[in-house]
Amino acid sequence: MVHTVMRQPDHLDTHCRVLIVEDDCSIASLIADVLEDEIGVATVTLHNGAEAIRFLAQQQVSLVVLDYQLPGANGIQVCDAMRRLVSAQETPVLFVTANAEQAGFRTRGLPYIRKPFDLTEFLDTVKHCLRQPQTATTSLVS
């Protein structure tokens, strides 16, 4: 399957770094390629929720693109752990998931994109997340 985005690159701040936490390597690679090529951000990719928590305890990023179903810790657990880390508690999170209803994203008011996703919509949402100040520091687990 070929994915094409029909637009000119819209490069953001060159200091932006996005953490992609996705256990499907092909989806993770697609997301990284699109973010790097289309909006010029650096990316780091991890495939396990527990790895993401350890990474975020040591490194800062501008945005976390986070799958819900992950080995090690699910996306909600990763996000909740982030909110307990001073260095990551204000980092925006965008969930990318096929299971939005199961995770309750809509009822929790969490930003998400449903898989399979439209690349243009995904990029627009990422750019919006990167441009918005994050102020929510409360736990996401109900």
Protein backbone atom coordinates (compact mmCIF):
# COMPACT_ATOMS: atom_id res chain seq x y z
CA MET A 1 0.00 0.00 0.00
CA VAL A 2 1.37 3.41 -0.98
CA HIS A 3 0.60 6.42 1.19
CA THR A 4 0.85 9.82 -0.42
CA VAL A 5 0.44 13.21 1.16
CA MET A 6 -0.40 15.89 -1.41
CA ARG A 7 1.00 19.05 0.10
CA GLN A 8 4.17 21.05 0.41
CA PRO A 9 6.30 20.40 3.49
CA ASP A 10 5.24 22.59 6.43
CA HIS A 11 8.34 22.54 8.60
CA LEU A 12 7.92 23.39 12.25
CA ASP A 13 10.53 24.41 14.79
CA THR A 14 13.66 22.40 14.02
CA HIS A 15 14.03 21.65 17.74
CA CYS A 16 10.83 19.57 17.82
CA ARG A 17 11.29 15.92 18.64
CA VAL A 18 8.41 13.47 18.57
CA LEU A 19 8.38 10.16 20.42
CA ILE A 20 6.45 7.48 18.54
CA VAL A 21 5.35 4.53 20.68
CA GLU A 22 3.86 1.91 18.37
CA ASP A 23 4.37 -1.86 18.46
CA ASP A 24 3.56 -2.36 14.75
CA CYS A 25 6.90 -1.65 13.07
CA SER A 26 5.36 -0.79 9.68
CA ILE A 27 3.00 1.79 11.22
CA ALA A 28 5.80 3.22 13.37
CA SER A 29 8.04 3.55 10.32
CA LEU A 30 5.28 5.21 8.28
CA ILE A 31 4.58 7.72 11.06
CA ALA A 32 8.28 8.53 11.49
CA ASP A 33 8.84 8.96 7.75
CA VAL A 34 5.81 11.23 7.34
CA LEU A 35 6.70 13.40 10.34
CA GLU A 36 10.33 13.76 9.28
CA ASP A 37 9.64 14.34 5.57
CA GLU A 38 6.49 16.45 5.72
CA ILE A 39 6.97 18.67 8.79
CA GLY A 40 10.67 18.30 9.47
CA VAL A 41 10.63 17.04 13.05
CA ALA A 42 13.08 14.57 14.52
CA THR A 43 11.57 11.32 15.73
CA VAL A 44 12.41 8.57 18.19
CA THR A 45 10.54 5.27 17.88
CA LEU A 46 9.90 2.76 20.66
CA HIS A 47 7.76 -0.38 20.50
CA ASN A 48 6.96 -1.00 24.18
CA GLY A 49 5.10 1.03 26.80
CA ALA A 50 7.57 0.29 29.59
CA GLU A 51 10.45 1.44 27.35
CA ALA A 52 8.57 4.66 26.69
CA ILE A 53 8.16 5.37 30.40
CA ARG A 54 11.90 4.83 31.00
CA PHE A 55 12.78 7.01 28.00
CA LEU A 56 10.51 9.85 29.11
CA ALA A 57 12.03 9.79 32.59
CA GLN A 58 15.37 10.71 30.97
CA GLN A 59 14.55 12.60 27.78
CA GLN A 60 12.24 15.45 26.83
CA VAL A 61 10.16 15.48 23.65
CA SER A 62 7.72 17.92 22.07
CA LEU A 63 4.96 15.36 21.48
CA VAL A 64 4.23 11.68 22.11
CA VAL A 65 2.34 9.77 19.42
CA LEU A 66 1.08 6.81 21.39
CA ASP A 67 -0.65 3.56 20.49
CA TYR A 68 -3.16 2.23 23.02
CA GLN A 69 -2.40 -1.49 22.87
CA LEU A 70 1.28 -1.93 23.66
CA PRO A 71 3.37 -4.59 25.34
CA GLY A 72 4.86 -3.61 28.70
CA ALA A 73 2.27 -0.93 29.53
CA ASN A 74 -0.76 0.25 27.57
CA GLY A 75 -1.04 3.79 26.25
CA ILE A 76 -3.17 5.04 29.15
CA GLN A 77 -0.62 3.65 31.64
CA VAL A 78 2.22 5.37 29.74
CA CYS A 79 0.31 8.65 29.69
CA ASP A 80 -0.52 8.40 33.38
CA ALA A 81 3.16 7.72 34.18
CA MET A 82 4.12 10.78 32.11
CA ARG A 83 1.90 12.99 34.24
CA ARG A 84 3.86 11.92 37.31
CA LEU A 85 7.18 12.90 35.70
CA VAL A 86 8.02 16.58 36.14
CA SER A 87 9.90 16.57 32.83
CA ALA A 88 6.98 15.06 30.86
CA GLN A 89 3.81 16.09 32.65
CA GLU A 90 3.03 18.89 30.21
CA THR A 91 4.06 17.04 27.05
CA PRO A 92 1.14 16.68 24.64
CA VAL A 93 0.01 13.17 23.71
CA LEU A 94 -1.79 12.06 20.56
CA PHE A 95 -3.21 8.55 20.67
CA VAL A 96 -3.25 6.53 17.46
CA THR A 97 -5.51 3.54 17.96
CA ALA A 98 -8.00 1.15 16.42
CA ASN A 99 -9.73 0.83 19.82
CA ALA A 100 -10.94 4.33 20.70
CA GLU A 101 -14.20 3.14 22.26
CA GLN A 102 -12.50 0.41 24.29
CA ALA A 103 -10.04 2.90 25.75
CA GLY A 104 -12.71 5.54 26.35
CA PHE A 105 -10.79 8.34 24.61
CA ARG A 106 -13.92 10.27 23.67
CA THR A 107 -15.39 10.16 27.20
CA ARG A 108 -12.02 11.13 28.69
CA GLY A 109 -11.58 14.00 26.21
CA LEU A 110 -8.23 12.65 24.99
CA PRO A 111 -6.95 13.52 21.51
CA TYR A 112 -6.80 10.51 19.21
CA ILE A 113 -6.69 9.44 15.59
CA ARG A 114 -8.38 6.18 14.64
CA LYS A 115 -6.41 3.55 12.68
CA PRO A 116 -6.35 3.30 9.76
CA PHE A 117 -5.89 7.05 9.50
CA ASP A 118 -5.79 9.64 6.75
CA LEU A 119 -2.25 11.03 6.55
CA THR A 120 -3.40 14.60 5.92
CA GLU A 121 -5.68 14.53 8.97
CA PHE A 122 -2.88 12.95 11.01
CA LEU A 123 -0.39 15.66 10.02
CA ASP A 124 -2.87 18.45 10.71
CA THR A 125 -3.56 16.99 14.16
CA VAL A 126 0.15 16.62 14.95
CA LYS A 127 0.84 20.21 13.91
CA HIS A 128 -2.04 21.39 16.09
CA CYS A 129 -0.69 19.41 19.08
CA LEU A 130 2.81 20.81 18.58
CA ARG A 131 1.54 24.39 18.45
CA GLN A 132 -0.76 24.19 21.49
CA PRO A 133 0.57 24.73 25.00
CA GLN A 134 -0.24 21.75 27.22
CA THR A 135 -1.52 22.57 30.67
CA ALA A 136 -3.29 19.42 31.86
CA THR A 137 -1.24 17.70 34.54
CA THR A 138 -3.86 15.48 36.11
CA SER A 139 -4.01 11.70 36.01
CA LEU A 140 -5.73 10.23 32.97
CA VAL A 141 -6.77 7.02 34.69
CA SER A 142 -10.37 7.19 35.85
